[in-house]
Amino acid sequence: MTAAKKSSSKKTAESYDGFSADERSAMKERAKELKAAKAKEDGEAAVLEKIAGLPEAERAIAERLHALVKASAPELTAKTYYGMPAYARDGKIVCFLQPASKFGTRYSTFGFEAPANLDDGSMWPTHFALTKLTAADEKKLGALIKQAVS
């Protein structure tokens, strides 16, 4: 193999078809989650571990959201989703928190997946940017979480 081919191969391996290191890491975490689900591992413990590992400001938001989901929709089970705290019904993700630190973004997001019952006409929001949680924010999100599982 020539030096040019070695360099080209190395570069391809590093870029991995356009996925960033954070994206590759999330995919690896998802593979671990699928194995853990087969082994019936405790999703709640995994979510609490992820929350505990977040930077302080994000951890405060994640802890409040975790409590909010548990209070608003106790039928949802906690599990990780691509390494993020998430909540599922019948094994399908209903809502999740994507911390800003996960992909180096400006703000965290709280999102709802397709199983969430949020349909409102032909267009409705499914992700919310979060920099902090006020009492009004918690009330609004709590209502959406309840609606999502209704």
C-alpha atoms as a PDB file:
ATOM      1  CA  MET A   1       0.000   0.000   0.000  1.00  0.00           C
ATOM      2  CA  THR A   2       1.421   3.388  -0.951  1.00  0.00           C
ATOM      3  CA  ALA A   3       1.749   6.269   1.501  1.00  0.00           C
ATOM      4  CA  ALA A   4      -1.045   8.133  -0.320  1.00  0.00           C
ATOM      5  CA  LYS A   5      -3.391   5.150   0.032  1.00  0.00           C
ATOM      6  CA  LYS A   6      -2.501   4.748   3.731  1.00  0.00           C
ATOM      7  CA  SER A   7      -3.241   8.422   4.337  1.00  0.00           C
ATOM      8  CA  SER A   8      -6.509   8.159   2.414  1.00  0.00           C
ATOM      9  CA  SER A   9      -7.565   5.059   4.373  1.00  0.00           C
ATOM     10  CA  LYS A  10      -6.752   6.712   7.676  1.00  0.00           C
ATOM     11  CA  LYS A  11      -8.750   9.819   6.777  1.00  0.00           C
ATOM     12  CA  THR A  12     -11.751   7.715   5.745  1.00  0.00           C
ATOM     13  CA  ALA A  13     -11.621   5.806   9.041  1.00  0.00           C
ATOM     14  CA  GLU A  14     -11.531   9.068  11.013  1.00  0.00           C
ATOM     15  CA  SER A  15     -14.469  10.679   9.201  1.00  0.00           C
ATOM     16  CA  TYR A  16     -16.427   7.401   9.130  1.00  0.00           C
ATOM     17  CA  ASP A  17     -18.690   8.348   6.265  1.00  0.00           C
ATOM     18  CA  GLY A  18     -19.518  11.783   7.646  1.00  0.00           C
ATOM     19  CA  PHE A  19     -20.484  10.845  11.219  1.00  0.00           C
ATOM     20  CA  SER A  20     -18.942  13.010  13.924  1.00  0.00           C
ATOM     21  CA  ALA A  21     -17.263  11.476  16.955  1.00  0.00           C
ATOM     22  CA  ASP A  22     -20.342  12.437  19.023  1.00  0.00           C
ATOM     23  CA  GLU A  23     -22.647  10.716  16.528  1.00  0.00           C
ATOM     24  CA  ARG A  24     -20.502   7.568  16.494  1.00  0.00           C
ATOM     25  CA  SER A  25     -20.524   7.581  20.289  1.00  0.00           C
ATOM     26  CA  ALA A  26     -24.330   7.873  20.339  1.00  0.00           C
ATOM     27  CA  MET A  27     -24.632   4.926  17.945  1.00  0.00           C
ATOM     28  CA  LYS A  28     -22.368   2.834  20.174  1.00  0.00           C
ATOM     29  CA  GLU A  29     -24.470   3.768  23.189  1.00  0.00           C
ATOM     30  CA  ARG A  30     -27.615   2.734  21.300  1.00  0.00           C
ATOM     31  CA  ALA A  31     -26.108  -0.674  20.566  1.00  0.00           C
ATOM     32  CA  LYS A  32     -25.357  -1.099  24.302  1.00  0.00           C
ATOM     33  CA  GLU A  33     -28.941  -0.066  25.127  1.00  0.00           C
ATOM     34  CA  LEU A  34     -30.364  -2.707  22.818  1.00  0.00           C
ATOM     35  CA  LYS A  35     -28.215  -5.358  24.505  1.00  0.00           C
ATOM     36  CA  ALA A  36     -29.272  -4.089  27.945  1.00  0.00           C
ATOM     37  CA  ALA A  37     -32.941  -4.280  26.936  1.00  0.00           C
ATOM     38  CA  LYS A  38     -32.511  -7.907  25.909  1.00  0.00           C
ATOM     39  CA  ALA A  39     -30.881  -8.599  29.273  1.00  0.00           C
ATOM     40  CA  LYS A  40     -33.787  -6.773  30.987  1.00  0.00           C
ATOM     41  CA  GLU A  41     -31.408  -4.372  32.732  1.00  0.00           C
ATOM     42  CA  ASP A  42     -32.809  -1.553  34.888  1.00  0.00           C
ATOM     43  CA  GLY A  43     -33.520   1.456  32.658  1.00  0.00           C
ATOM     44  CA  GLU A  44     -34.262   3.723  35.615  1.00  0.00           C
ATOM     45  CA  ALA A  45     -30.762   3.182  37.026  1.00  0.00           C
ATOM     46  CA  ALA A  46     -29.227   3.869  33.604  1.00  0.00           C
ATOM     47  CA  VAL A  47     -31.175   7.149  33.265  1.00  0.00           C
ATOM     48  CA  LEU A  48     -30.214   8.283  36.764  1.00  0.00           C
ATOM     49  CA  GLU A  49     -26.582   7.463  35.997  1.00  0.00           C
ATOM     50  CA  LYS A  50     -26.710   9.554  32.789  1.00  0.00           C
ATOM     51  CA  ILE A  51     -28.340  12.436  34.649  1.00  0.00           C
ATOM     52  CA  ALA A  52     -25.709  12.291  37.425  1.00  0.00           C
ATOM     53  CA  GLY A  53     -22.949  12.545  34.793  1.00  0.00           C
ATOM     54  CA  LEU A  54     -24.258  15.771  33.243  1.00  0.00           C
ATOM     55  CA  PRO A  55     -22.712  19.204  33.839  1.00  0.00           C
ATOM     56  CA  GLU A  56     -24.356  20.953  36.812  1.00  0.00           C
ATOM     57  CA  ALA A  57     -26.768  23.252  34.906  1.00  0.00           C
ATOM     58  CA  GLU A  58     -27.949  20.435  32.637  1.00  0.00           C
ATOM     59  CA  ARG A  59     -28.174  18.027  35.557  1.00  0.00           C
ATOM     60  CA  ALA A  60     -30.559  20.411  37.369  1.00  0.00           C
ATOM     61  CA  ILE A  61     -32.818  20.528  34.290  1.00  0.00           C
ATOM     62  CA  ALA A  62     -32.618  16.759  33.797  1.00  0.00           C
ATOM     63  CA  GLU A  63     -33.458  16.036  37.440  1.00  0.00           C
ATOM     64  CA  ARG A  64     -36.521  18.312  37.273  1.00  0.00           C
ATOM     65  CA  LEU A  65     -37.628  16.773  33.978  1.00  0.00           C
ATOM     66  CA  HIS A  66     -37.205  13.266  35.361  1.00  0.00           C
ATOM     67  CA  ALA A  67     -39.410  14.131  38.348  1.00  0.00           C
ATOM     68  CA  LEU A  68     -41.899  15.874  36.050  1.00  0.00           C
ATOM     69  CA  VAL A  69     -42.221  12.873  33.733  1.00  0.00           C
ATOM     70  CA  LYS A  70     -42.608  10.483  36.674  1.00  0.00           C
ATOM     71  CA  ALA A  71     -45.340  12.684  38.204  1.00  0.00           C
ATOM     72  CA  SER A  72     -47.142  13.473  34.924  1.00  0.00           C
ATOM     73  CA  ALA A  73     -47.015  10.016  33.346  1.00  0.00           C
ATOM     74  CA  PRO A  74     -46.081   7.325  35.880  1.00  0.00           C
ATOM     75  CA  GLU A  75     -46.905   4.651  33.285  1.00  0.00           C
ATOM     76  CA  LEU A  76     -43.798   5.618  31.277  1.00  0.00           C
ATOM     77  CA  THR A  77     -40.630   3.667  31.962  1.00  0.00           C
ATOM     78  CA  ALA A  78     -37.243   5.326  32.102  1.00  0.00           C
ATOM     79  CA  LYS A  79     -34.566   4.102  29.704  1.00  0.00           C
ATOM     80  CA  THR A  80     -31.695   5.609  27.799  1.00  0.00           C
ATOM     81  CA  TYR A  81     -32.021   6.474  24.118  1.00  0.00           C
ATOM     82  CA  TYR A  82     -28.741   6.990  22.263  1.00  0.00           C
ATOM     83  CA  GLY A  83     -27.239   7.660  25.671  1.00  0.00           C
ATOM     84  CA  MET A  84     -29.850  10.269  26.633  1.00  0.00           C
ATOM     85  CA  PRO A  85     -32.527  10.126  29.358  1.00  0.00           C
ATOM     86  CA  ALA A  86     -35.789   8.954  27.794  1.00  0.00           C
ATOM     87  CA  TYR A  87     -39.203   7.621  28.716  1.00  0.00           C
ATOM     88  CA  ALA A  88     -41.099   4.859  26.932  1.00  0.00           C
ATOM     89  CA  ARG A  89     -44.451   3.129  26.768  1.00  0.00           C
ATOM     90  CA  ASP A  90     -44.551  -0.467  25.587  1.00  0.00           C
ATOM     91  CA  GLY A  91     -40.864  -0.188  24.703  1.00  0.00           C
ATOM     92  CA  LYS A  92     -41.372   2.811  22.371  1.00  0.00           C
ATOM     93  CA  ILE A  93     -39.813   6.154  23.225  1.00  0.00           C
ATOM     94  CA  VAL A  94     -42.432   8.826  23.957  1.00  0.00           C
ATOM     95  CA  CYS A  95     -40.164  11.655  25.146  1.00  0.00           C
ATOM     96  CA  PHE A  96     -36.496  12.313  25.820  1.00  0.00           C
ATOM     97  CA  LEU A  97     -33.966  14.917  26.896  1.00  0.00           C
ATOM     98  CA  GLN A  98     -31.061  15.747  24.628  1.00  0.00           C
ATOM     99  CA  PRO A  99     -28.542  17.619  26.805  1.00  0.00           C
ATOM    100  CA  ALA A 100     -26.631  20.416  25.094  1.00  0.00           C
ATOM    101  CA  SER A 101     -23.372  18.730  26.078  1.00  0.00           C
ATOM    102  CA  LYS A 102     -24.319  15.576  24.143  1.00  0.00           C
ATOM    103  CA  PHE A 103     -23.572  17.155  20.768  1.00  0.00           C
ATOM    104  CA  GLY A 104     -22.033  20.471  21.841  1.00  0.00           C
ATOM    105  CA  THR A 105     -25.122  22.537  21.055  1.00  0.00           C
ATOM    106  CA  ARG A 106     -26.262  25.884  22.388  1.00  0.00           C
ATOM    107  CA  TYR A 107     -29.211  24.503  24.370  1.00  0.00           C
ATOM    108  CA  SER A 108     -30.730  21.257  25.562  1.00  0.00           C
ATOM    109  CA  THR A 109     -33.945  19.994  23.998  1.00  0.00           C
ATOM    110  CA  PHE A 110     -36.876  18.044  25.349  1.00  0.00           C
ATOM    111  CA  GLY A 111     -38.480  16.128  22.544  1.00  0.00           C
ATOM    112  CA  PHE A 112     -41.426  13.912  21.801  1.00  0.00           C
ATOM    113  CA  GLU A 113     -41.311  10.981  19.402  1.00  0.00           C
ATOM    114  CA  ALA A 114     -44.076   9.750  17.071  1.00  0.00           C
ATOM    115  CA  PRO A 115     -45.852   7.605  19.740  1.00  0.00           C
ATOM    116  CA  ALA A 116     -46.633  10.811  21.693  1.00  0.00           C
ATOM    117  CA  ASN A 117     -50.265  11.811  21.279  1.00  0.00           C
ATOM    118  CA  LEU A 118     -49.650  15.502  20.552  1.00  0.00           C
ATOM    119  CA  ASP A 119     -51.416  15.792  17.196  1.00  0.00           C
ATOM    120  CA  ASP A 120     -53.031  19.207  16.793  1.00  0.00           C
ATOM    121  CA  GLY A 121     -54.232  19.832  13.244  1.00  0.00           C
ATOM    122  CA  SER A 122     -51.626  19.538  10.537  1.00  0.00           C
ATOM    123  CA  MET A 123     -48.678  21.008  12.494  1.00  0.00           C
ATOM    124  CA  TRP A 124     -47.529  20.919  16.131  1.00  0.00           C
ATOM    125  CA  PRO A 125     -44.251  21.321  18.036  1.00  0.00           C
ATOM    126  CA  THR A 126     -42.377  18.199  19.060  1.00  0.00           C
ATOM    127  CA  HIS A 127     -39.102  19.594  20.466  1.00  0.00           C
ATOM    128  CA  PHE A 128     -38.523  22.383  22.938  1.00  0.00           C
ATOM    129  CA  ALA A 129     -35.269  24.258  23.533  1.00  0.00           C
ATOM    130  CA  LEU A 130     -34.340  24.511  27.218  1.00  0.00           C
ATOM    131  CA  THR A 131     -31.827  26.706  28.978  1.00  0.00           C
ATOM    132  CA  LYS A 132     -33.568  26.496  32.361  1.00  0.00           C
ATOM    133  CA  LEU A 133     -36.954  25.393  33.725  1.00  0.00           C
ATOM    134  CA  THR A 134     -39.348  27.889  35.281  1.00  0.00           C
ATOM    135  CA  ALA A 135     -42.543  26.940  37.102  1.00  0.00           C
ATOM    136  CA  ALA A 136     -44.494  28.003  33.994  1.00  0.00           C
ATOM    137  CA  ASP A 137     -42.260  25.824  31.790  1.00  0.00           C
ATOM    138  CA  GLU A 138     -42.809  22.846  34.072  1.00  0.00           C
ATOM    139  CA  LYS A 139     -46.570  23.371  33.989  1.00  0.00           C
ATOM    140  CA  LYS A 140     -46.577  23.526  30.199  1.00  0.00           C
ATOM    141  CA  LEU A 141     -44.324  20.484  29.780  1.00  0.00           C
ATOM    142  CA  GLY A 142     -46.273  18.537  32.410  1.00  0.00           C
ATOM    143  CA  ALA A 143     -49.486  19.113  30.448  1.00  0.00           C
ATOM    144  CA  LEU A 144     -47.802  18.013  27.209  1.00  0.00           C
ATOM    145  CA  ILE A 145     -46.414  14.876  28.842  1.00  0.00           C
ATOM    146  CA  LYS A 146     -49.881  13.990  30.151  1.00  0.00           C
ATOM    147  CA  GLN A 147     -51.362  14.608  26.692  1.00  0.00           C
ATOM    148  CA  ALA A 148     -48.609  12.534  25.086  1.00  0.00           C
ATOM    149  CA  VAL A 149     -49.721   9.421  26.947  1.00  0.00           C
ATOM    150  CA  SER A 150     -53.478   9.999  26.776  1.00  0.00           C
END
